[in-house]
N, C-alpha and C. Protein backbone atom coordinates (compact mmCIF):
# COMPACT_ATOMS: atom_id res chain seq x y z
N UNK A 1 0.82 -1.19 0.00
CA UNK A 1 0.00 0.00 0.00
C UNK A 1 0.87 1.27 0.00
N UNK A 2 1.95 1.25 0.80
CA UNK A 2 2.82 2.41 0.83
C UNK A 2 3.45 2.67 -0.52
N UNK A 3 3.85 1.60 -1.20
CA UNK A 3 4.47 1.74 -2.52
C UNK A 3 3.48 2.34 -3.52
N UNK A 4 2.22 1.91 -3.44
CA UNK A 4 1.19 2.45 -4.33
C UNK A 4 0.97 3.94 -4.05
N UNK A 5 0.94 4.32 -2.79
CA UNK A 5 0.78 5.73 -2.43
C UNK A 5 1.96 6.56 -2.92
N UNK A 6 3.14 6.00 -2.80
CA UNK A 6 4.36 6.67 -3.25
C UNK A 6 4.31 6.91 -4.77
N UNK A 7 3.94 5.88 -5.51
CA UNK A 7 3.84 6.01 -6.97
C UNK A 7 2.76 7.02 -7.37
N UNK A 8 1.65 7.01 -6.65
CA UNK A 8 0.57 7.94 -6.93
C UNK A 8 1.03 9.38 -6.72
N UNK A 9 1.76 9.60 -5.64
CA UNK A 9 2.29 10.92 -5.32
C UNK A 9 3.25 11.39 -6.41
N UNK A 10 4.12 10.50 -6.86
CA UNK A 10 5.08 10.84 -7.90
C UNK A 10 4.37 11.18 -9.21
N UNK A 11 3.40 10.37 -9.58
CA UNK A 11 2.67 10.62 -10.83
C UNK A 11 1.92 11.95 -10.78
N UNK A 12 1.33 12.28 -9.65
CA UNK A 12 0.63 13.56 -9.52
C UNK A 12 1.58 14.73 -9.67
N UNK A 13 2.75 14.63 -9.07
CA UNK A 13 3.72 15.72 -9.17
C UNK A 13 4.19 15.90 -10.61
N UNK A 14 4.39 14.80 -11.32
CA UNK A 14 4.81 14.88 -12.71
C UNK A 14 3.70 15.48 -13.57
N UNK A 15 2.47 15.06 -13.33
CA UNK A 15 1.34 15.60 -14.08
C UNK A 15 1.13 17.08 -13.82
N UNK A 16 1.53 17.55 -12.64
CA UNK A 16 1.41 18.96 -12.30
C UNK A 16 2.56 19.80 -12.86
N UNK A 17 3.42 19.18 -13.65
CA UNK A 17 4.44 19.93 -14.36
C UNK A 17 5.84 19.89 -13.78
N UNK A 18 6.03 19.16 -12.70
CA UNK A 18 7.39 19.08 -12.15
C UNK A 18 8.24 18.19 -13.04
N UNK A 19 9.51 18.48 -13.07
CA UNK A 19 10.45 17.69 -13.87
C UNK A 19 10.62 16.31 -13.24
N UNK A 20 10.72 15.31 -14.08
CA UNK A 20 10.82 13.92 -13.62
C UNK A 20 12.06 13.72 -12.76
N UNK A 21 13.20 14.26 -13.20
CA UNK A 21 14.43 14.04 -12.45
C UNK A 21 14.34 14.66 -11.06
N UNK A 22 13.64 15.79 -10.92
CA UNK A 22 13.50 16.43 -9.61
C UNK A 22 12.63 15.58 -8.68
N UNK A 23 11.56 15.04 -9.21
CA UNK A 23 10.66 14.20 -8.41
C UNK A 23 11.39 12.95 -7.95
N UNK A 24 12.12 12.32 -8.86
CA UNK A 24 12.85 11.09 -8.53
C UNK A 24 13.95 11.39 -7.52
N UNK A 25 14.69 12.50 -7.72
CA UNK A 25 15.76 12.86 -6.80
C UNK A 25 15.21 13.11 -5.40
N UNK A 26 14.13 13.86 -5.29
CA UNK A 26 13.55 14.12 -3.98
C UNK A 26 13.06 12.84 -3.31
N UNK A 27 12.54 11.92 -4.09
CA UNK A 27 12.11 10.63 -3.53
C UNK A 27 13.31 9.87 -2.98
N UNK A 28 14.40 9.86 -3.72
CA UNK A 28 15.62 9.19 -3.25
C UNK A 28 16.15 9.85 -1.98
N UNK A 29 16.13 11.18 -1.96
CA UNK A 29 16.62 11.89 -0.79
C UNK A 29 15.74 11.64 0.43
N UNK A 30 14.42 11.59 0.21
CA UNK A 30 13.50 11.28 1.31
C UNK A 30 13.79 9.90 1.89
N UNK A 31 14.11 8.95 1.04
CA UNK A 31 14.45 7.61 1.52
C UNK A 31 15.69 7.64 2.41
N UNK A 32 16.71 8.38 1.98
CA UNK A 32 17.92 8.51 2.80
C UNK A 32 17.58 9.14 4.16
N UNK A 33 16.80 10.20 4.13
CA UNK A 33 16.45 10.92 5.36
C UNK A 33 15.66 10.02 6.30
N UNK A 34 14.69 9.30 5.76
CA UNK A 34 13.86 8.41 6.59
C UNK A 34 14.68 7.30 7.22
N UNK A 35 15.78 6.92 6.59
CA UNK A 35 16.66 5.87 7.12
C UNK A 35 17.72 6.44 8.05
N UNK A 36 17.67 7.75 8.29
CA UNK A 36 18.64 8.39 9.17
C UNK A 36 20.01 8.58 8.52
N UNK A 37 20.05 8.62 7.21
CA UNK A 37 21.31 8.75 6.48
C UNK A 37 21.42 10.14 5.83
N UNK A 38 21.42 11.14 6.66
CA UNK A 38 21.44 12.52 6.18
C UNK A 38 22.71 12.84 5.40
N UNK A 39 23.85 12.35 5.87
CA UNK A 39 25.11 12.60 5.16
C UNK A 39 25.08 11.97 3.78
N UNK A 40 24.56 10.77 3.67
CA UNK A 40 24.44 10.13 2.36
C UNK A 40 23.48 10.88 1.46
N UNK A 41 22.45 11.47 2.04
CA UNK A 41 21.52 12.27 1.25
C UNK A 41 22.24 13.48 0.66
N UNK A 42 23.06 14.13 1.47
CA UNK A 42 23.82 15.29 0.99
C UNK A 42 24.79 14.88 -0.11
N UNK A 43 25.50 13.78 0.09
CA UNK A 43 26.44 13.29 -0.93
C UNK A 43 25.71 12.96 -2.23
N UNK A 44 24.58 12.29 -2.11
CA UNK A 44 23.81 11.89 -3.29
C UNK A 44 23.31 13.13 -4.03
N UNK A 45 22.81 14.10 -3.29
CA UNK A 45 22.33 15.34 -3.90
C UNK A 45 23.44 16.04 -4.68
N UNK A 46 24.62 16.15 -4.07
CA UNK A 46 25.74 16.80 -4.74
C UNK A 46 26.17 16.04 -5.99
N UNK A 47 26.18 14.71 -5.89
CA UNK A 47 26.59 13.87 -7.02
C UNK A 47 25.62 14.01 -8.19
N UNK A 48 24.33 13.98 -7.89
CA UNK A 48 23.32 14.08 -8.96
C UNK A 48 23.34 15.47 -9.58
N UNK A 49 23.49 16.50 -8.76
CA UNK A 49 23.52 17.86 -9.30
C UNK A 49 24.74 18.06 -10.22
N UNK A 50 25.86 17.46 -9.85
CA UNK A 50 27.05 17.56 -10.70
C UNK A 50 26.80 16.82 -12.02
N UNK A 51 26.23 15.64 -11.92
CA UNK A 51 25.99 14.83 -13.12
C UNK A 51 24.95 15.48 -14.03
N UNK A 52 23.89 16.03 -13.45
CA UNK A 52 22.79 16.59 -14.24
C UNK A 52 23.09 17.98 -14.79
N UNK A 53 23.75 18.83 -13.96
CA UNK A 53 23.96 20.22 -14.34
C UNK A 53 25.42 20.62 -14.51
N UNK A 54 26.34 19.72 -14.13
CA UNK A 54 27.75 20.02 -14.28
C UNK A 54 28.31 20.96 -13.23
N UNK A 55 27.52 21.25 -12.21
CA UNK A 55 27.97 22.11 -11.12
C UNK A 55 27.67 21.45 -9.79
N UNK A 56 28.67 21.47 -8.91
CA UNK A 56 28.50 20.88 -7.59
C UNK A 56 28.08 21.99 -6.63
N UNK A 57 26.92 21.84 -5.99
CA UNK A 57 26.54 22.84 -4.98
C UNK A 57 27.49 22.75 -3.78
N UNK A 58 27.63 23.85 -3.08
CA UNK A 58 28.49 23.85 -1.89
C UNK A 58 27.89 22.92 -0.84
N UNK A 59 28.74 22.52 0.09
CA UNK A 59 28.25 21.68 1.19
C UNK A 59 27.15 22.40 1.96
N UNK A 60 27.33 23.69 2.18
CA UNK A 60 26.34 24.47 2.93
C UNK A 60 25.00 24.50 2.21
N UNK A 61 25.04 24.77 0.90
CA UNK A 61 23.80 24.81 0.13
C UNK A 61 23.13 23.44 0.10
N UNK A 62 23.94 22.40 -0.01
CA UNK A 62 23.40 21.03 -0.03
C UNK A 62 22.76 20.68 1.30
N UNK A 63 23.44 21.02 2.38
CA UNK A 63 22.91 20.73 3.72
C UNK A 63 21.61 21.50 3.95
N UNK A 64 21.59 22.77 3.54
CA UNK A 64 20.37 23.58 3.69
C UNK A 64 19.20 22.97 2.93
N UNK A 65 19.47 22.47 1.72
CA UNK A 65 18.42 21.84 0.91
C UNK A 65 17.89 20.58 1.60
N UNK A 66 18.80 19.75 2.10
CA UNK A 66 18.40 18.51 2.78
C UNK A 66 17.64 18.85 4.06
N UNK A 67 18.10 19.86 4.79
CA UNK A 67 17.39 20.28 6.01
C UNK A 67 15.98 20.75 5.70
N UNK A 68 15.81 21.49 4.62
CA UNK A 68 14.47 21.97 4.27
C UNK A 68 13.58 20.79 3.84
N UNK A 69 14.16 19.84 3.15
CA UNK A 69 13.40 18.65 2.75
C UNK A 69 13.01 17.85 3.99
N UNK A 70 13.92 17.71 4.93
CA UNK A 70 13.65 16.99 6.17
C UNK A 70 12.56 17.70 6.97
N UNK A 71 12.63 19.01 6.99
CA UNK A 71 11.62 19.80 7.70
C UNK A 71 10.23 19.62 7.08
N UNK A 72 10.17 19.59 5.76
CA UNK A 72 8.87 19.42 5.10
C UNK A 72 8.33 18.00 5.34
N UNK A 73 9.21 17.03 5.50
CA UNK A 73 8.77 15.67 5.79
C UNK A 73 8.19 15.55 7.19
N UNK A 74 8.78 16.28 8.13
CA UNK A 74 8.32 16.19 9.50
C UNK A 74 6.97 16.87 9.69
N UNK A 75 6.59 17.77 8.78
CA UNK A 75 5.30 18.46 8.86
C UNK A 75 4.16 17.59 8.37
N UNK A 76 4.50 16.57 7.61
CA UNK A 76 3.45 15.71 7.02
C UNK A 76 2.94 14.73 8.02
């Protein structure tokens, strides 16, 4: 059931115009955060941003992004 809800959420976000790579990346990052692997989430975010855009965000910017994502998860 959780997997179905997750897929439904992803499909809705894509239908609402969000980029597929952003939706998938945020889903991957949420998984890291839920498993208590915040450092791995930051590393993964930096790696994907470098691969997708050719620019590595700073550690501070990456941490801030992960913190904001974690904060939004705790509100749900």
